[in-house]
Amino acid sequence: MKFGVVVFPGSNCDHDAFYALANVVHKPVEFIWHQSTDLAGCDAIILPGGFAYGDYLRTGAIARFSPVMKSVEKFAKSGGLVFGICNGFQILLEAGLLPGAVMRNKGLRYICRHVNIRIEQTDTPFTSAAKQGQILRIPIAHNDGNYHVDETELADLEKNRQIIFRYTTADGTDDAAGNPNGSMHNVAGVCNRERNVAGLMPHPERAVEPALDSADGLVIFKSLVESLAGAAKATA
């Protein structure tokens, strides 16, 4: 299997994602420049965190039109796995590959600290190695992470079990104390209906080794690896 990490002007977590995949998970990975339309035969694409194009206009609004995104959209529609982290999540929202939008954090301040998120669904390629209800301690680093959808879309997300990560307290309580940015219904990450595209505001690539104060993010990368391995066996 092979992973691709897209690099936009302003990406600053691309090397973190590359390191997690190459040096911790030990899988082949390649950088893909935003002007390329060639996904280099990758089996999964990561859109990393950062400030693509300086986050001018809106977060992800310009990156959504990068040449590489046409290939990413085609890849996703063909069933390929696409995972957006923080700014990558924002780009997927702008591209319409995931539902909803993010606004400024409720306190109108940039937040950089560890938070707790709960695994809500395990039947996705991004969470299959986790346990239902498992709490992960993972850092956030964003100014615009306040996730919102209209009430009809929210009902659809709940019905289709597309909310796969939620902010929570360390003991799993759903209240405002565990929600750092005001995100509707404590949403930290969602997937599409087909369950092959997902976005998450916290940074699992920054929580893959004990030296980083948490290795909880590894379960997400292990889920991707196991899902790709399972798909390869099924088609062998």
C-alpha atoms as a PDB file:
ATOM      1  CA  MET A   1       0.000   0.000   0.000  1.00  0.00           C
ATOM      2  CA  LYS A   2       1.074   3.565  -0.556  1.00  0.00           C
ATOM      3  CA  PHE A   3       0.009   6.860   1.024  1.00  0.00           C
ATOM      4  CA  GLY A   4       0.146  10.318  -0.497  1.00  0.00           C
ATOM      5  CA  VAL A   5       0.411  13.541   1.512  1.00  0.00           C
ATOM      6  CA  VAL A   6      -0.695  16.607  -0.440  1.00  0.00           C
ATOM      7  CA  VAL A   7       1.418  19.740   0.060  1.00  0.00           C
ATOM      8  CA  PHE A   8      -0.215  23.142  -0.410  1.00  0.00           C
ATOM      9  CA  PRO A   9       1.545  26.510  -0.060  1.00  0.00           C
ATOM     10  CA  GLY A  10       1.162  27.083   3.671  1.00  0.00           C
ATOM     11  CA  SER A  11       0.881  23.424   4.734  1.00  0.00           C
ATOM     12  CA  ASN A  12       2.800  22.965   7.975  1.00  0.00           C
ATOM     13  CA  CYS A  13       1.784  19.505   9.136  1.00  0.00           C
ATOM     14  CA  ASP A  14       2.715  17.671   5.942  1.00  0.00           C
ATOM     15  CA  HIS A  15       6.017  16.454   7.381  1.00  0.00           C
ATOM     16  CA  ASP A  16       4.274  15.391  10.599  1.00  0.00           C
ATOM     17  CA  ALA A  17       1.877  13.190   8.602  1.00  0.00           C
ATOM     18  CA  PHE A  18       4.743  11.885   6.451  1.00  0.00           C
ATOM     19  CA  TYR A  19       6.772  11.009   9.566  1.00  0.00           C
ATOM     20  CA  ALA A  20       3.851   9.214  11.222  1.00  0.00           C
ATOM     21  CA  LEU A  21       3.283   7.045   8.162  1.00  0.00           C
ATOM     22  CA  ALA A  22       6.906   6.407   7.188  1.00  0.00           C
ATOM     23  CA  ASN A  23       8.673   6.202  10.559  1.00  0.00           C
ATOM     24  CA  VAL A  24       5.988   5.032  12.964  1.00  0.00           C
ATOM     25  CA  VAL A  25       3.533   3.021  10.872  1.00  0.00           C
ATOM     26  CA  HIS A  26       6.325   2.040   8.440  1.00  0.00           C
ATOM     27  CA  LYS A  27       4.387   2.330   5.203  1.00  0.00           C
ATOM     28  CA  PRO A  28       5.420   3.840   1.853  1.00  0.00           C
ATOM     29  CA  VAL A  29       4.412   7.491   1.558  1.00  0.00           C
ATOM     30  CA  GLU A  30       5.051  10.242  -0.967  1.00  0.00           C
ATOM     31  CA  PHE A  31       4.550  14.009  -1.005  1.00  0.00           C
ATOM     32  CA  ILE A  32       2.214  15.289  -3.743  1.00  0.00           C
ATOM     33  CA  TRP A  33       2.615  18.941  -4.739  1.00  0.00           C
ATOM     34  CA  HIS A  34      -0.633  20.903  -5.036  1.00  0.00           C
ATOM     35  CA  GLN A  35      -0.041  21.703  -8.716  1.00  0.00           C
ATOM     36  CA  SER A  36       0.217  18.039  -9.670  1.00  0.00           C
ATOM     37  CA  THR A  37      -2.751  16.073 -10.952  1.00  0.00           C
ATOM     38  CA  ASP A  38      -0.929  12.749 -10.562  1.00  0.00           C
ATOM     39  CA  LEU A  39      -1.672  10.942  -7.307  1.00  0.00           C
ATOM     40  CA  ALA A  40       1.338   8.689  -7.926  1.00  0.00           C
ATOM     41  CA  GLY A  41      -0.542   5.411  -7.621  1.00  0.00           C
ATOM     42  CA  CYS A  42      -1.445   6.062  -3.991  1.00  0.00           C
ATOM     43  CA  ASP A  43      -4.057   3.996  -2.166  1.00  0.00           C
ATOM     44  CA  ALA A  44      -4.925   6.696   0.379  1.00  0.00           C
ATOM     45  CA  ILE A  45      -4.568  10.472   0.307  1.00  0.00           C
ATOM     46  CA  ILE A  46      -3.922  12.697   3.317  1.00  0.00           C
ATOM     47  CA  LEU A  47      -4.741  16.415   3.225  1.00  0.00           C
ATOM     48  CA  PRO A  48      -2.619  17.786   6.096  1.00  0.00           C
ATOM     49  CA  GLY A  49      -3.034  20.662   8.484  1.00  0.00           C
ATOM     50  CA  GLY A  50      -1.639  24.154   8.056  1.00  0.00           C
ATOM     51  CA  PHE A  51      -2.749  27.393   6.459  1.00  0.00           C
ATOM     52  CA  ALA A  52      -3.163  26.583   2.762  1.00  0.00           C
ATOM     53  CA  TYR A  53      -2.737  29.774   0.728  1.00  0.00           C
ATOM     54  CA  GLY A  54      -2.605  31.676   4.005  1.00  0.00           C
ATOM     55  CA  ASP A  55      -6.262  30.799   4.695  1.00  0.00           C
ATOM     56  CA  TYR A  56      -7.265  33.911   2.753  1.00  0.00           C
ATOM     57  CA  LEU A  57     -10.989  34.400   2.002  1.00  0.00           C
ATOM     58  CA  ARG A  58     -11.940  31.386   4.169  1.00  0.00           C
ATOM     59  CA  THR A  59     -10.010  28.385   5.407  1.00  0.00           C
ATOM     60  CA  GLY A  60      -9.594  26.018   2.474  1.00  0.00           C
ATOM     61  CA  ALA A  61     -11.448  28.279   0.041  1.00  0.00           C
ATOM     62  CA  ILE A  62      -8.496  28.769  -2.339  1.00  0.00           C
ATOM     63  CA  ALA A  63      -6.879  25.346  -1.839  1.00  0.00           C
ATOM     64  CA  ARG A  64     -10.147  23.781  -2.938  1.00  0.00           C
ATOM     65  CA  PHE A  65      -9.297  25.002  -6.483  1.00  0.00           C
ATOM     66  CA  SER A  66      -5.732  23.648  -6.574  1.00  0.00           C
ATOM     67  CA  PRO A  67      -5.133  21.359  -9.588  1.00  0.00           C
ATOM     68  CA  VAL A  68      -4.535  18.385  -7.304  1.00  0.00           C
ATOM     69  CA  MET A  69      -8.064  18.621  -5.911  1.00  0.00           C
ATOM     70  CA  LYS A  70      -9.618  17.590  -9.229  1.00  0.00           C
ATOM     71  CA  SER A  71      -7.682  14.344  -8.941  1.00  0.00           C
ATOM     72  CA  VAL A  72      -8.549  13.987  -5.255  1.00  0.00           C
ATOM     73  CA  GLU A  73     -12.258  14.409  -6.032  1.00  0.00           C
ATOM     74  CA  LYS A  74     -12.056  11.831  -8.826  1.00  0.00           C
ATOM     75  CA  PHE A  75     -10.118   9.496  -6.539  1.00  0.00           C
ATOM     76  CA  ALA A  76     -12.729   9.861  -3.778  1.00  0.00           C
ATOM     77  CA  LYS A  77     -15.638   9.285  -6.145  1.00  0.00           C
ATOM     78  CA  SER A  78     -13.975   6.056  -7.297  1.00  0.00           C
ATOM     79  CA  GLY A  79     -13.879   4.827  -3.697  1.00  0.00           C
ATOM     80  CA  GLY A  80     -10.342   5.883  -2.750  1.00  0.00           C
ATOM     81  CA  LEU A  81      -9.630   6.754   0.875  1.00  0.00           C
ATOM     82  CA  VAL A  82      -9.205  10.469   1.606  1.00  0.00           C
ATOM     83  CA  PHE A  83      -8.469  11.832   5.085  1.00  0.00           C
ATOM     84  CA  GLY A  84      -8.350  15.554   5.870  1.00  0.00           C
ATOM     85  CA  ILE A  85      -6.724  16.761   9.088  1.00  0.00           C
ATOM     86  CA  CYS A  86      -7.551  20.258  10.418  1.00  0.00           C
ATOM     87  CA  ASN A  87      -6.898  22.492   7.394  1.00  0.00           C
ATOM     88  CA  GLY A  88      -7.313  19.385   5.257  1.00  0.00           C
ATOM     89  CA  PHE A  89     -10.769  18.900   6.794  1.00  0.00           C
ATOM     90  CA  GLN A  90     -11.582  22.519   5.983  1.00  0.00           C
ATOM     91  CA  ILE A  91     -10.506  21.969   2.355  1.00  0.00           C
ATOM     92  CA  LEU A  92     -12.744  18.895   2.071  1.00  0.00           C
ATOM     93  CA  LEU A  93     -15.666  20.951   3.374  1.00  0.00           C
ATOM     94  CA  GLU A  94     -15.008  23.720   0.840  1.00  0.00           C
ATOM     95  CA  ALA A  95     -14.708  21.135  -1.933  1.00  0.00           C
ATOM     96  CA  GLY A  96     -18.083  19.642  -1.034  1.00  0.00           C
ATOM     97  CA  LEU A  97     -16.556  16.235  -0.359  1.00  0.00           C
ATOM     98  CA  LEU A  98     -17.849  16.456   3.203  1.00  0.00           C
ATOM     99  CA  PRO A  99     -20.995  18.186   4.512  1.00  0.00           C
ATOM    100  CA  GLY A 100     -21.020  21.308   6.640  1.00  0.00           C
ATOM    101  CA  ALA A 101     -18.701  24.229   7.292  1.00  0.00           C
ATOM    102  CA  VAL A 102     -16.431  25.561  10.039  1.00  0.00           C
ATOM    103  CA  MET A 103     -16.520  29.021  11.569  1.00  0.00           C
ATOM    104  CA  ARG A 104     -14.299  30.902  14.023  1.00  0.00           C
ATOM    105  CA  ASN A 105     -13.865  29.272  17.411  1.00  0.00           C
ATOM    106  CA  LYS A 106     -16.482  30.375  19.936  1.00  0.00           C
ATOM    107  CA  GLY A 107     -13.904  32.393  21.880  1.00  0.00           C
ATOM    108  CA  LEU A 108     -12.519  33.974  18.682  1.00  0.00           C
ATOM    109  CA  ARG A 109      -9.067  32.753  19.651  1.00  0.00           C
ATOM    110  CA  TYR A 110      -6.573  30.307  18.210  1.00  0.00           C
ATOM    111  CA  ILE A 111      -6.444  27.179  20.389  1.00  0.00           C
ATOM    112  CA  CYS A 112      -3.460  24.841  20.660  1.00  0.00           C
ATOM    113  CA  ARG A 113      -3.766  22.148  23.341  1.00  0.00           C
ATOM    114  CA  HIS A 114      -4.724  18.546  23.928  1.00  0.00           C
ATOM    115  CA  VAL A 115      -8.395  17.610  23.846  1.00  0.00           C
ATOM    116  CA  ASN A 116     -10.362  14.390  24.185  1.00  0.00           C
ATOM    117  CA  ILE A 117     -12.365  12.905  21.349  1.00  0.00           C
ATOM    118  CA  ARG A 118     -14.601   9.846  21.377  1.00  0.00           C
ATOM    119  CA  ILE A 119     -14.852   7.256  18.620  1.00  0.00           C
ATOM    120  CA  GLU A 120     -18.535   7.229  17.696  1.00  0.00           C
ATOM    121  CA  GLN A 121     -18.476   4.708  14.832  1.00  0.00           C
ATOM    122  CA  THR A 122     -16.052   1.895  14.067  1.00  0.00           C
ATOM    123  CA  ASP A 123     -17.400   0.827  10.677  1.00  0.00           C
ATOM    124  CA  THR A 124     -15.202   3.230   8.727  1.00  0.00           C
ATOM    125  CA  PRO A 125     -11.674   2.782   7.311  1.00  0.00           C
ATOM    126  CA  PHE A 126     -10.550   5.546   9.679  1.00  0.00           C
ATOM    127  CA  THR A 127     -11.819   4.002  12.920  1.00  0.00           C
ATOM    128  CA  SER A 128     -11.965   0.231  12.311  1.00  0.00           C
ATOM    129  CA  ALA A 129      -9.028  -0.515  14.648  1.00  0.00           C
ATOM    130  CA  ALA A 130     -10.635   1.427  17.505  1.00  0.00           C
ATOM    131  CA  LYS A 131     -13.253   0.404  20.021  1.00  0.00           C
ATOM    132  CA  GLN A 132     -16.716   1.918  20.102  1.00  0.00           C
ATOM    133  CA  GLY A 133     -16.663   4.757  22.619  1.00  0.00           C
ATOM    134  CA  GLN A 134     -12.865   4.792  22.892  1.00  0.00           C
ATOM    135  CA  ILE A 135     -11.504   8.122  24.122  1.00  0.00           C
ATOM    136  CA  LEU A 136      -8.433   9.523  22.354  1.00  0.00           C
ATOM    137  CA  ARG A 137      -6.256  12.315  23.747  1.00  0.00           C
ATOM    138  CA  ILE A 138      -5.102  14.325  20.729  1.00  0.00           C
ATOM    139  CA  PRO A 139      -3.964  17.946  20.239  1.00  0.00           C
ATOM    140  CA  ILE A 140      -5.840  20.636  18.357  1.00  0.00           C
ATOM    141  CA  ALA A 141      -4.322  23.705  16.710  1.00  0.00           C
ATOM    142  CA  HIS A 142      -6.868  25.864  14.939  1.00  0.00           C
ATOM    143  CA  ASN A 143      -8.647  29.178  14.796  1.00  0.00           C
ATOM    144  CA  ASP A 144     -11.624  27.982  12.728  1.00  0.00           C
ATOM    145  CA  GLY A 145     -12.905  24.655  14.022  1.00  0.00           C
ATOM    146  CA  ASN A 146     -16.467  25.512  15.005  1.00  0.00           C
ATOM    147  CA  TYR A 147     -18.348  22.925  12.908  1.00  0.00           C
ATOM    148  CA  HIS A 148     -21.873  23.715  11.762  1.00  0.00           C
ATOM    149  CA  VAL A 149     -24.560  22.317   9.483  1.00  0.00           C
ATOM    150  CA  ASP A 150     -28.231  23.155   9.188  1.00  0.00           C
ATOM    151  CA  GLU A 151     -30.739  21.124  11.178  1.00  0.00           C
ATOM    152  CA  THR A 152     -31.743  18.978   8.196  1.00  0.00           C
ATOM    153  CA  GLU A 153     -28.128  18.086   7.432  1.00  0.00           C
ATOM    154  CA  LEU A 154     -27.461  17.391  11.100  1.00  0.00           C
ATOM    155  CA  ALA A 155     -30.386  14.973  11.204  1.00  0.00           C
ATOM    156  CA  ASP A 156     -28.974  13.221   8.126  1.00  0.00           C
ATOM    157  CA  LEU A 157     -25.518  13.007   9.699  1.00  0.00           C
ATOM    158  CA  GLU A 158     -26.966  11.413  12.818  1.00  0.00           C
ATOM    159  CA  LYS A 159     -29.223   9.063  10.845  1.00  0.00           C
ATOM    160  CA  ASN A 160     -26.414   7.896   8.566  1.00  0.00           C
ATOM    161  CA  ARG A 161     -23.908   7.663  11.447  1.00  0.00           C
ATOM    162  CA  GLN A 162     -21.527  10.046   9.703  1.00  0.00           C
ATOM    163  CA  ILE A 163     -20.376  11.741  12.909  1.00  0.00           C
ATOM    164  CA  ILE A 164     -17.409   9.515  13.714  1.00  0.00           C
ATOM    165  CA  PHE A 165     -15.516  11.697  16.220  1.00  0.00           C
ATOM    166  CA  ARG A 166     -16.938  13.865  19.017  1.00  0.00           C
ATOM    167  CA  TYR A 167     -15.302  16.166  21.557  1.00  0.00           C
ATOM    168  CA  THR A 168     -15.814  14.958  25.086  1.00  0.00           C
ATOM    169  CA  THR A 169     -14.350  15.222  28.561  1.00  0.00           C
ATOM    170  CA  ALA A 170     -11.701  12.724  29.667  1.00  0.00           C
ATOM    171  CA  ASP A 171     -14.385  10.567  31.278  1.00  0.00           C
ATOM    172  CA  GLY A 172     -16.604  10.635  28.173  1.00  0.00           C
ATOM    173  CA  THR A 173     -19.135  13.212  29.339  1.00  0.00           C
ATOM    174  CA  ASP A 174     -20.908  15.206  26.622  1.00  0.00           C
ATOM    175  CA  ASP A 175     -20.918  18.784  27.839  1.00  0.00           C
ATOM    176  CA  ALA A 176     -19.487  22.192  26.990  1.00  0.00           C
ATOM    177  CA  ALA A 177     -16.402  21.568  29.121  1.00  0.00           C
ATOM    178  CA  GLY A 178     -15.090  19.075  26.593  1.00  0.00           C
ATOM    179  CA  ASN A 179     -15.918  21.189  23.529  1.00  0.00           C
ATOM    180  CA  PRO A 180     -13.029  23.592  22.818  1.00  0.00           C
ATOM    181  CA  ASN A 181     -14.459  25.533  19.883  1.00  0.00           C
ATOM    182  CA  GLY A 182     -18.260  25.543  20.100  1.00  0.00           C
ATOM    183  CA  SER A 183     -18.692  22.896  17.421  1.00  0.00           C
ATOM    184  CA  MET A 184     -22.341  21.875  16.941  1.00  0.00           C
ATOM    185  CA  HIS A 185     -23.223  18.703  18.864  1.00  0.00           C
ATOM    186  CA  ASN A 186     -19.539  18.408  19.856  1.00  0.00           C
ATOM    187  CA  VAL A 187     -18.607  17.274  16.332  1.00  0.00           C
ATOM    188  CA  ALA A 188     -14.858  16.800  15.906  1.00  0.00           C
ATOM    189  CA  GLY A 189     -14.920  14.826  12.664  1.00  0.00           C
ATOM    190  CA  VAL A 190     -17.291  13.403  10.063  1.00  0.00           C
ATOM    191  CA  CYS A 191     -17.266  11.098   7.055  1.00  0.00           C
ATOM    192  CA  ASN A 192     -19.238  11.057   3.820  1.00  0.00           C
ATOM    193  CA  ARG A 193     -22.164   8.699   3.242  1.00  0.00           C
ATOM    194  CA  GLU A 194     -19.938   6.274   1.373  1.00  0.00           C
ATOM    195  CA  ARG A 195     -17.559   6.268   4.380  1.00  0.00           C
ATOM    196  CA  ASN A 196     -14.375   6.586   2.302  1.00  0.00           C
ATOM    197  CA  VAL A 197     -13.775  10.318   2.930  1.00  0.00           C
ATOM    198  CA  ALA A 198     -13.332  11.715   6.434  1.00  0.00           C
ATOM    199  CA  GLY A 199     -12.171  14.879   8.134  1.00  0.00           C
ATOM    200  CA  LEU A 200     -10.996  15.543  11.690  1.00  0.00           C
ATOM    201  CA  MET A 201     -10.064  18.845  13.324  1.00  0.00           C
ATOM    202  CA  PRO A 202      -7.614  17.465  15.977  1.00  0.00           C
ATOM    203  CA  HIS A 203      -4.184  16.253  14.830  1.00  0.00           C
ATOM    204  CA  PRO A 204      -3.643  12.472  15.157  1.00  0.00           C
ATOM    205  CA  GLU A 205      -0.255  12.789  13.410  1.00  0.00           C
ATOM    206  CA  ARG A 206       0.933  14.787  16.421  1.00  0.00           C
ATOM    207  CA  ALA A 207      -0.009  11.964  18.787  1.00  0.00           C
ATOM    208  CA  VAL A 208       1.804   8.890  17.496  1.00  0.00           C
ATOM    209  CA  GLU A 209       4.617   8.439  20.045  1.00  0.00           C
ATOM    210  CA  PRO A 210       4.815   8.639  23.864  1.00  0.00           C
ATOM    211  CA  ALA A 211       7.393  11.431  23.537  1.00  0.00           C
ATOM    212  CA  LEU A 212       4.603  13.562  22.052  1.00  0.00           C
ATOM    213  CA  ASP A 213       2.594  13.116  25.280  1.00  0.00           C
ATOM    214  CA  SER A 214       0.143  10.790  23.531  1.00  0.00           C
ATOM    215  CA  ALA A 215       0.226   7.946  21.029  1.00  0.00           C
ATOM    216  CA  ASP A 216      -3.568   7.768  20.756  1.00  0.00           C
ATOM    217  CA  GLY A 217      -3.584   9.065  17.174  1.00  0.00           C
ATOM    218  CA  LEU A 218      -1.959   5.831  16.013  1.00  0.00           C
ATOM    219  CA  VAL A 219      -5.295   4.020  16.116  1.00  0.00           C
ATOM    220  CA  ILE A 220      -6.496   6.148  13.182  1.00  0.00           C
ATOM    221  CA  PHE A 221      -3.444   5.399  11.039  1.00  0.00           C
ATOM    222  CA  LYS A 222      -3.606   1.716  11.997  1.00  0.00           C
ATOM    223  CA  SER A 223      -7.259   1.706  10.945  1.00  0.00           C
ATOM    224  CA  LEU A 224      -6.294   3.039   7.519  1.00  0.00           C
ATOM    225  CA  VAL A 225      -3.535   0.444   7.139  1.00  0.00           C
ATOM    226  CA  GLU A 226      -5.776  -2.441   8.195  1.00  0.00           C
ATOM    227  CA  SER A 227      -8.587  -1.281   5.926  1.00  0.00           C
ATOM    228  CA  LEU A 228      -6.281  -1.074   2.916  1.00  0.00           C
ATOM    229  CA  ALA A 229      -4.811  -4.485   3.728  1.00  0.00           C
ATOM    230  CA  GLY A 230      -8.299  -5.966   4.038  1.00  0.00           C
ATOM    231  CA  ALA A 231      -9.365  -4.449   0.727  1.00  0.00           C
ATOM    232  CA  ALA A 232      -6.262  -5.858  -0.973  1.00  0.00           C
ATOM    233  CA  LYS A 233      -6.991  -9.365   0.352  1.00  0.00           C
ATOM    234  CA  ALA A 234     -10.593  -9.150  -0.789  1.00  0.00           C
ATOM    235  CA  THR A 235      -9.548  -8.384  -4.366  1.00  0.00           C
ATOM    236  CA  ALA A 236      -6.601 -10.823  -4.466  1.00  0.00           C
END
